[in-house]
Amino acid sequence: MDAGTMYFLVVAVIAVVIVGRLLAYSGKRYLAGPESGPTQAGSVAALVAVLFHLVTLGLTALLAAIPFGGSQTQVFLIRIGLVLILVGTAYAVALRMLTRRKEEAVVTDFDAQVRELRHERQANEYEVTNDPSAGMAPQPPKEPTLGEPRP
């Protein structure tokens, strides 16, 4: 293995690790909400970050094995450019995974709130239907008859 490939691997691994750690940290903060605990959000973000690391480091290793023609500087720049595109694409996919998880959590929370409101409304309807005066229209004031005094 030549020195150019070693430099490429060092730079690429550092870039992948930095971006992966940022993904794990920001993903944990992105997923954390009042309903989900920090441990649940942290574990999901960690799983996505591990997947990101494995895929990008594997593709980086494969990219290091591909021979390119040209000077060492050109080969280094081509490989670094490809790794950056690869890392950016993998980051976008990971963000999409986190966004999907966040949307699912929001929908689940909204669904739980709707169920709770429906349950409260049904309880209130039950109370109203057991009221003997419920559903009756208000009675107009009675007209006084001949034998009753006027107000």
N, C-alpha and C. Protein backbone atom coordinates (compact mmCIF):
# COMPACT_ATOMS: atom_id res chain seq x y z
N MET A 1 0.85 -1.16 0.00
CA MET A 1 0.00 0.00 0.00
C MET A 1 0.90 1.23 0.00
N ASP A 2 0.61 2.12 -0.92
CA ASP A 2 1.46 3.31 -1.04
C ASP A 2 1.03 4.39 -0.03
N ALA A 3 1.85 5.41 0.06
CA ALA A 3 1.63 6.48 1.04
C ALA A 3 0.36 7.27 0.73
N GLY A 4 0.04 7.45 -0.54
CA GLY A 4 -1.16 8.19 -0.93
C GLY A 4 -2.43 7.50 -0.45
N THR A 5 -2.45 6.18 -0.56
CA THR A 5 -3.62 5.42 -0.09
C THR A 5 -3.73 5.51 1.43
N MET A 6 -2.62 5.48 2.12
CA MET A 6 -2.63 5.59 3.58
C MET A 6 -3.16 6.96 4.01
N TYR A 7 -2.67 8.02 3.35
CA TYR A 7 -3.16 9.37 3.66
C TYR A 7 -4.67 9.46 3.40
N PHE A 8 -5.08 8.88 2.28
CA PHE A 8 -6.50 8.89 1.95
C PHE A 8 -7.31 8.19 3.04
N LEU A 9 -6.87 7.01 3.46
CA LEU A 9 -7.61 6.27 4.48
C LEU A 9 -7.67 7.02 5.80
N VAL A 10 -6.56 7.65 6.17
CA VAL A 10 -6.56 8.41 7.43
C VAL A 10 -7.54 9.57 7.36
N VAL A 11 -7.49 10.35 6.29
CA VAL A 11 -8.37 11.50 6.13
C VAL A 11 -9.83 11.05 6.03
N ALA A 12 -10.09 10.01 5.27
CA ALA A 12 -11.46 9.53 5.08
C ALA A 12 -12.04 8.98 6.38
N VAL A 13 -11.26 8.21 7.13
CA VAL A 13 -11.76 7.66 8.39
C VAL A 13 -12.04 8.79 9.39
N ILE A 14 -11.17 9.78 9.45
CA ILE A 14 -11.40 10.92 10.34
C ILE A 14 -12.69 11.65 9.96
N ALA A 15 -12.88 11.87 8.66
CA ALA A 15 -14.10 12.56 8.20
C ALA A 15 -15.35 11.75 8.54
N VAL A 16 -15.30 10.44 8.31
CA VAL A 16 -16.46 9.58 8.58
C VAL A 16 -16.77 9.56 10.08
N VAL A 17 -15.75 9.46 10.91
CA VAL A 17 -15.96 9.41 12.36
C VAL A 17 -16.53 10.74 12.86
N ILE A 18 -16.01 11.85 12.38
CA ILE A 18 -16.52 13.16 12.82
C ILE A 18 -17.98 13.34 12.41
N VAL A 19 -18.29 13.05 11.17
CA VAL A 19 -19.67 13.21 10.70
C VAL A 19 -20.60 12.23 11.42
N GLY A 20 -20.13 11.01 11.65
CA GLY A 20 -20.95 10.03 12.37
C GLY A 20 -21.24 10.45 13.80
N ARG A 21 -20.25 11.01 14.49
CA ARG A 21 -20.47 11.48 15.86
C ARG A 21 -21.42 12.68 15.88
N LEU A 22 -21.29 13.57 14.90
CA LEU A 22 -22.23 14.68 14.80
C LEU A 22 -23.65 14.17 14.55
N LEU A 23 -23.76 13.17 13.72
CA LEU A 23 -25.06 12.56 13.44
C LEU A 23 -25.67 11.96 14.71
N ALA A 24 -24.88 11.25 15.49
CA ALA A 24 -25.38 10.66 16.72
C ALA A 24 -25.80 11.73 17.72
N TYR A 25 -24.98 12.76 17.88
CA TYR A 25 -25.29 13.82 18.85
C TYR A 25 -26.52 14.62 18.43
N SER A 26 -26.51 15.10 17.19
CA SER A 26 -27.63 15.92 16.73
C SER A 26 -28.89 15.08 16.56
N GLY A 27 -28.75 13.81 16.22
CA GLY A 27 -29.91 12.93 16.10
C GLY A 27 -30.58 12.70 17.44
N LYS A 28 -29.77 12.58 18.48
CA LYS A 28 -30.33 12.40 19.82
C LYS A 28 -31.11 13.64 20.24
N ARG A 29 -30.56 14.80 19.99
CA ARG A 29 -31.26 16.05 20.34
C ARG A 29 -32.49 16.25 19.47
N TYR A 30 -32.42 15.82 18.20
CA TYR A 30 -33.54 15.98 17.28
C TYR A 30 -34.71 15.09 17.68
N LEU A 31 -34.41 13.87 18.10
CA LEU A 31 -35.47 12.93 18.44
C LEU A 31 -36.03 13.13 19.84
N ALA A 32 -35.24 13.72 20.72
CA ALA A 32 -35.69 13.89 22.11
C ALA A 32 -36.85 14.87 22.15
N GLY A 33 -37.88 14.46 22.86
CA GLY A 33 -39.05 15.31 23.03
C GLY A 33 -39.61 15.10 24.42
N PRO A 34 -40.68 15.80 24.74
CA PRO A 34 -41.24 15.64 26.07
C PRO A 34 -41.83 14.25 26.31
N GLU A 35 -42.30 13.60 25.25
CA GLU A 35 -42.91 12.28 25.40
C GLU A 35 -41.87 11.17 25.47
N SER A 36 -40.86 11.26 24.60
CA SER A 36 -39.84 10.20 24.55
C SER A 36 -38.69 10.58 25.47
N GLY A 37 -38.24 9.61 26.20
CA GLY A 37 -37.13 9.86 27.12
C GLY A 37 -35.83 10.01 26.37
N PRO A 38 -34.82 10.58 27.02
CA PRO A 38 -33.53 10.76 26.36
C PRO A 38 -32.85 9.44 26.03
N THR A 39 -33.15 8.38 26.79
CA THR A 39 -32.51 7.09 26.50
C THR A 39 -33.06 6.49 25.21
N GLN A 40 -34.37 6.63 24.99
CA GLN A 40 -34.96 6.09 23.77
C GLN A 40 -34.44 6.84 22.55
N ALA A 41 -34.42 8.16 22.63
CA ALA A 41 -33.91 8.96 21.51
C ALA A 41 -32.43 8.69 21.28
N GLY A 42 -31.67 8.54 22.37
CA GLY A 42 -30.25 8.27 22.24
C GLY A 42 -29.97 6.92 21.62
N SER A 43 -30.78 5.91 21.96
CA SER A 43 -30.53 4.59 21.39
C SER A 43 -30.87 4.55 19.91
N VAL A 44 -31.92 5.24 19.49
CA VAL A 44 -32.26 5.28 18.06
C VAL A 44 -31.18 6.02 17.29
N ALA A 45 -30.73 7.14 17.83
CA ALA A 45 -29.68 7.91 17.15
C ALA A 45 -28.37 7.12 17.10
N ALA A 46 -28.08 6.38 18.15
CA ALA A 46 -26.85 5.56 18.16
C ALA A 46 -26.94 4.45 17.12
N LEU A 47 -28.10 3.82 16.99
CA LEU A 47 -28.25 2.77 15.97
C LEU A 47 -28.08 3.32 14.56
N VAL A 48 -28.65 4.48 14.31
CA VAL A 48 -28.50 5.10 12.98
C VAL A 48 -27.05 5.49 12.75
N ALA A 49 -26.36 5.99 13.78
CA ALA A 49 -24.96 6.38 13.64
C ALA A 49 -24.07 5.17 13.39
N VAL A 50 -24.35 4.05 14.06
CA VAL A 50 -23.57 2.83 13.82
C VAL A 50 -23.76 2.35 12.39
N LEU A 51 -24.99 2.38 11.91
CA LEU A 51 -25.25 1.99 10.52
C LEU A 51 -24.51 2.92 9.57
N PHE A 52 -24.52 4.21 9.85
CA PHE A 52 -23.80 5.18 9.03
C PHE A 52 -22.31 4.85 9.00
N HIS A 53 -21.72 4.61 10.19
CA HIS A 53 -20.29 4.30 10.26
C HIS A 53 -19.95 3.04 9.47
N LEU A 54 -20.72 1.99 9.67
CA LEU A 54 -20.41 0.72 8.99
C LEU A 54 -20.48 0.85 7.48
N VAL A 55 -21.53 1.48 6.99
CA VAL A 55 -21.69 1.59 5.53
C VAL A 55 -20.61 2.48 4.93
N THR A 56 -20.40 3.64 5.52
CA THR A 56 -19.43 4.56 4.92
C THR A 56 -17.99 4.08 5.06
N LEU A 57 -17.65 3.47 6.19
CA LEU A 57 -16.29 2.93 6.32
C LEU A 57 -16.07 1.76 5.37
N GLY A 58 -17.08 0.92 5.19
CA GLY A 58 -16.96 -0.19 4.23
C GLY A 58 -16.77 0.31 2.81
N LEU A 59 -17.57 1.30 2.42
CA LEU A 59 -17.43 1.84 1.07
C LEU A 59 -16.12 2.61 0.91
N THR A 60 -15.63 3.21 1.97
CA THR A 60 -14.32 3.88 1.92
C THR A 60 -13.21 2.86 1.69
N ALA A 61 -13.29 1.73 2.36
CA ALA A 61 -12.28 0.68 2.16
C ALA A 61 -12.32 0.16 0.72
N LEU A 62 -13.52 -0.03 0.20
CA LEU A 62 -13.63 -0.47 -1.21
C LEU A 62 -13.10 0.59 -2.16
N LEU A 63 -13.35 1.86 -1.85
CA LEU A 63 -12.87 2.93 -2.70
C LEU A 63 -11.34 3.01 -2.67
N ALA A 64 -10.73 2.67 -1.54
CA ALA A 64 -9.27 2.69 -1.44
C ALA A 64 -8.64 1.59 -2.29
N ALA A 65 -9.39 0.52 -2.54
CA ALA A 65 -8.86 -0.61 -3.31
C ALA A 65 -8.97 -0.39 -4.82
N ILE A 66 -9.75 0.58 -5.25
CA ILE A 66 -9.93 0.83 -6.68
C ILE A 66 -8.72 1.61 -7.20
N PRO A 67 -8.06 1.10 -8.23
CA PRO A 67 -6.91 1.83 -8.78
C PRO A 67 -7.37 2.95 -9.71
N PHE A 68 -6.78 4.10 -9.55
CA PHE A 68 -7.06 5.24 -10.41
C PHE A 68 -5.76 5.63 -11.11
N GLY A 69 -5.89 6.13 -12.33
CA GLY A 69 -4.70 6.57 -13.06
C GLY A 69 -4.40 8.03 -12.77
N GLY A 70 -3.19 8.42 -12.95
CA GLY A 70 -2.80 9.81 -12.74
C GLY A 70 -1.76 9.93 -11.63
N SER A 71 -1.45 11.17 -11.32
CA SER A 71 -0.47 11.41 -10.26
C SER A 71 -1.09 11.10 -8.90
N GLN A 72 -0.23 11.00 -7.89
CA GLN A 72 -0.73 10.68 -6.55
C GLN A 72 -1.66 11.77 -6.04
N THR A 73 -1.38 13.01 -6.37
CA THR A 73 -2.23 14.11 -5.93
C THR A 73 -3.61 14.01 -6.57
N GLN A 74 -3.67 13.70 -7.86
CA GLN A 74 -4.95 13.56 -8.54
C GLN A 74 -5.75 12.39 -7.96
N VAL A 75 -5.11 11.28 -7.74
CA VAL A 75 -5.79 10.10 -7.20
C VAL A 75 -6.33 10.42 -5.80
N PHE A 76 -5.50 11.10 -4.99
CA PHE A 76 -5.92 11.47 -3.64
C PHE A 76 -7.16 12.36 -3.69
N LEU A 77 -7.15 13.38 -4.55
CA LEU A 77 -8.27 14.30 -4.64
C LEU A 77 -9.52 13.62 -5.18
N ILE A 78 -9.36 12.74 -6.15
CA ILE A 78 -10.51 12.00 -6.68
C ILE A 78 -11.14 11.15 -5.58
N ARG A 79 -10.31 10.44 -4.85
CA ARG A 79 -10.83 9.58 -3.77
C ARG A 79 -11.49 10.40 -2.66
N ILE A 80 -10.86 11.50 -2.27
CA ILE A 80 -11.44 12.35 -1.23
C ILE A 80 -12.78 12.93 -1.72
N GLY A 81 -12.83 13.35 -2.95
CA GLY A 81 -14.09 13.86 -3.51
C GLY A 81 -15.18 12.80 -3.49
N LEU A 82 -14.83 11.60 -3.88
CA LEU A 82 -15.81 10.51 -3.86
C LEU A 82 -16.25 10.17 -2.44
N VAL A 83 -15.32 10.20 -1.51
CA VAL A 83 -15.68 9.92 -0.12
C VAL A 83 -16.61 11.00 0.42
N LEU A 84 -16.34 12.25 0.10
CA LEU A 84 -17.21 13.32 0.58
C LEU A 84 -18.62 13.21 0.00
N ILE A 85 -18.72 12.86 -1.26
CA ILE A 85 -20.03 12.62 -1.87
C ILE A 85 -20.71 11.43 -1.19
N LEU A 86 -19.95 10.39 -0.95
CA LEU A 86 -20.47 9.20 -0.27
C LEU A 86 -20.95 9.53 1.14
N VAL A 87 -20.16 10.27 1.88
CA VAL A 87 -20.53 10.65 3.25
C VAL A 87 -21.77 11.54 3.24
N GLY A 88 -21.82 12.48 2.31
CA GLY A 88 -23.00 13.35 2.20
C GLY A 88 -24.26 12.57 1.88
N THR A 89 -24.17 11.62 0.97
CA THR A 89 -25.32 10.80 0.62
C THR A 89 -25.75 9.93 1.79
N ALA A 90 -24.79 9.32 2.46
CA ALA A 90 -25.11 8.49 3.62
C ALA A 90 -25.70 9.33 4.74
N TYR A 91 -25.21 10.55 4.91
CA TYR A 91 -25.75 11.45 5.93
C TYR A 91 -27.20 11.81 5.61
N ALA A 92 -27.49 12.07 4.34
CA ALA A 92 -28.86 12.39 3.93
C ALA A 92 -29.80 11.21 4.20
N VAL A 93 -29.33 10.01 3.90
CA VAL A 93 -30.15 8.82 4.17
C VAL A 93 -30.38 8.66 5.67
N ALA A 94 -29.35 8.88 6.46
CA ALA A 94 -29.49 8.76 7.92
C ALA A 94 -30.44 9.82 8.46
N LEU A 95 -30.36 11.03 7.96
CA LEU A 95 -31.29 12.08 8.38
C LEU A 95 -32.73 11.72 8.01
N ARG A 96 -32.89 11.12 6.86
CA ARG A 96 -34.23 10.69 6.45
C ARG A 96 -34.76 9.63 7.41
N MET A 97 -33.90 8.73 7.84
CA MET A 97 -34.31 7.71 8.81
C MET A 97 -34.72 8.36 10.13
N LEU A 98 -33.95 9.34 10.58
CA LEU A 98 -34.28 10.04 11.83
C LEU A 98 -35.58 10.84 11.68
N THR A 99 -35.75 11.47 10.54
CA THR A 99 -36.97 12.25 10.30
C THR A 99 -38.19 11.34 10.28
N ARG A 100 -38.07 10.19 9.66
CA ARG A 100 -39.18 9.24 9.64
C ARG A 100 -39.53 8.80 11.06
N ARG A 101 -38.51 8.56 11.86
CA ARG A 101 -38.76 8.17 13.26
C ARG A 101 -39.43 9.30 14.03
N LYS A 102 -39.01 10.52 13.80
CA LYS A 102 -39.61 11.67 14.47
C LYS A 102 -41.07 11.83 14.04
N GLU A 103 -41.35 11.68 12.74
CA GLU A 103 -42.72 11.78 12.25
C GLU A 103 -43.61 10.70 12.86
N GLU A 104 -43.08 9.49 12.97
CA GLU A 104 -43.85 8.41 13.60
C GLU A 104 -44.16 8.73 15.05
N ALA A 105 -43.21 9.32 15.75
CA ALA A 105 -43.44 9.68 17.16
C ALA A 105 -44.49 10.79 17.27
N VAL A 106 -44.45 11.76 16.35
CA VAL A 106 -45.43 12.84 16.38
C VAL A 106 -46.82 12.30 16.09
N VAL A 107 -46.94 11.42 15.09
CA VAL A 107 -48.23 10.84 14.76
C VAL A 107 -48.77 9.99 15.91
N THR A 108 -47.91 9.22 16.53
CA THR A 108 -48.33 8.40 17.66
C THR A 108 -48.80 9.27 18.81
N ASP A 109 -48.08 10.34 19.09
CA ASP A 109 -48.48 11.25 20.17
C ASP A 109 -49.81 11.92 19.84
N PHE A 110 -49.98 12.36 18.61
CA PHE A 110 -51.23 12.99 18.20
C PHE A 110 -52.39 12.01 18.30
N ASP A 111 -52.16 10.77 17.86
CA ASP A 111 -53.18 9.74 17.93
C ASP A 111 -53.59 9.47 19.38
N ALA A 112 -52.63 9.44 20.28
CA ALA A 112 -52.93 9.22 21.69
C ALA A 112 -53.75 10.38 22.26
N GLN A 113 -53.43 11.60 21.85
CA GLN A 113 -54.19 12.76 22.32
C GLN A 113 -55.62 12.72 21.80
N VAL A 114 -55.79 12.34 20.53
CA VAL A 114 -57.14 12.25 19.96
C VAL A 114 -57.95 11.18 20.69
N ARG A 115 -57.34 10.03 20.95
CA ARG A 115 -58.05 8.98 21.68
C ARG A 115 -58.46 9.45 23.07
N GLU A 116 -57.56 10.17 23.72
CA GLU A 116 -57.87 10.68 25.06
C GLU A 116 -59.04 11.67 25.01
N LEU A 117 -59.04 12.56 24.03
CA LEU A 117 -60.14 13.52 23.89
C LEU A 117 -61.45 12.82 23.57
N ARG A 118 -61.41 11.80 22.71
CA ARG A 118 -62.62 11.04 22.41
C ARG A 118 -63.14 10.33 23.64
N HIS A 119 -62.24 9.79 24.43
CA HIS A 119 -62.65 9.09 25.64
C HIS A 119 -63.31 10.08 26.61
N GLU A 120 -62.74 11.28 26.76
CA GLU A 120 -63.33 12.29 27.62
C GLU A 120 -64.69 12.73 27.10
N ARG A 121 -64.81 12.89 25.79
CA ARG A 121 -66.07 13.32 25.20
C ARG A 121 -67.14 12.26 25.41
N GLN A 122 -66.78 10.99 25.24
CA GLN A 122 -67.75 9.92 25.47
C GLN A 122 -68.18 9.89 26.93
N ALA A 123 -67.26 10.14 27.84
CA ALA A 123 -67.61 10.17 29.26
C ALA A 123 -68.56 11.33 29.53
N ASN A 124 -68.32 12.48 28.91
CA ASN A 124 -69.21 13.62 29.11
C ASN A 124 -70.59 13.36 28.51
N GLU A 125 -70.68 12.71 27.35
CA GLU A 125 -71.96 12.38 26.76
C GLU A 125 -72.73 11.41 27.64
N TYR A 126 -72.02 10.49 28.27
CA TYR A 126 -72.67 9.54 29.16
C TYR A 126 -73.28 10.26 30.35
N GLU A 127 -72.55 11.21 30.89
CA GLU A 127 -73.07 11.97 32.02
C GLU A 127 -74.29 12.77 31.62
N VAL A 128 -74.29 13.35 30.41
CA VAL A 128 -75.40 14.17 29.97
C VAL A 128 -76.62 13.30 29.72
N THR A 129 -76.47 12.13 29.14
CA THR A 129 -77.62 11.29 28.84
C THR A 129 -78.26 10.73 30.09
N ASN A 130 -77.57 10.66 31.20
CA ASN A 130 -78.16 10.19 32.44
C ASN A 130 -78.86 11.31 33.21
N ASP A 131 -78.72 12.52 32.74
CA ASP A 131 -79.40 13.64 33.38
C ASP A 131 -80.85 13.64 32.91
N PRO A 132 -81.83 13.61 33.84
CA PRO A 132 -83.24 13.54 33.41
C PRO A 132 -83.68 14.76 32.61
N SER A 133 -83.05 15.91 32.83
CA SER A 133 -83.46 17.11 32.09
C SER A 133 -82.66 17.29 30.81
N ALA A 134 -81.74 16.37 30.52
CA ALA A 134 -80.90 16.51 29.33
C ALA A 134 -81.73 16.32 28.08
N GLY A 135 -81.46 17.10 27.10
CA GLY A 135 -82.12 16.97 25.82
C GLY A 135 -83.47 17.66 25.76
N MET A 136 -83.94 18.17 26.85
CA MET A 136 -85.23 18.85 26.85
C MET A 136 -85.02 20.30 26.47
N ALA A 137 -85.92 20.79 25.67
CA ALA A 137 -85.85 22.20 25.27
C ALA A 137 -86.26 23.08 26.45
N PRO A 138 -85.68 24.25 26.56
CA PRO A 138 -86.09 25.13 27.66
C PRO A 138 -87.56 25.51 27.52
N GLN A 139 -88.26 25.51 28.60
CA GLN A 139 -89.68 25.83 28.60
C GLN A 139 -89.87 27.34 28.65
N PRO A 140 -90.80 27.86 27.83
CA PRO A 140 -91.07 29.29 27.90
C PRO A 140 -91.74 29.62 29.24
N PRO A 141 -91.57 30.84 29.70
CA PRO A 141 -92.21 31.19 30.96
C PRO A 141 -93.74 31.06 30.86
N LYS A 142 -94.34 30.56 31.93
CA LYS A 142 -95.79 30.34 31.94
C LYS A 142 -96.50 31.69 32.00
N GLU A 143 -97.58 31.79 31.22
CA GLU A 143 -98.44 32.98 31.29
C GLU A 143 -99.31 32.85 32.53
N PRO A 144 -99.39 33.90 33.27
CA PRO A 144 -100.25 33.81 34.45
C PRO A 144 -101.72 33.63 34.06
N THR A 145 -102.41 32.84 34.82
CA THR A 145 -103.85 32.63 34.58
C THR A 145 -104.62 33.63 35.42
N LEU A 146 -105.96 33.55 35.36
CA LEU A 146 -106.79 34.52 36.03
C LEU A 146 -106.61 34.49 37.56
N GLY A 147 -106.37 33.32 38.09
CA GLY A 147 -106.29 33.22 39.54
C GLY A 147 -104.92 33.51 40.11
N GLU A 148 -103.89 33.68 39.28
CA GLU A 148 -102.53 33.88 39.77
C GLU A 148 -102.15 35.34 39.70
N PRO A 149 -101.39 35.81 40.65
CA PRO A 149 -100.95 37.21 40.58
C PRO A 149 -99.86 37.39 39.52
N ARG A 150 -99.83 38.56 38.98
CA ARG A 150 -98.81 38.88 37.97
C ARG A 150 -97.53 39.26 38.66
N PRO A 151 -96.36 38.93 38.03
CA PRO A 151 -95.08 39.29 38.65
C PRO A 151 -94.76 40.76 38.55
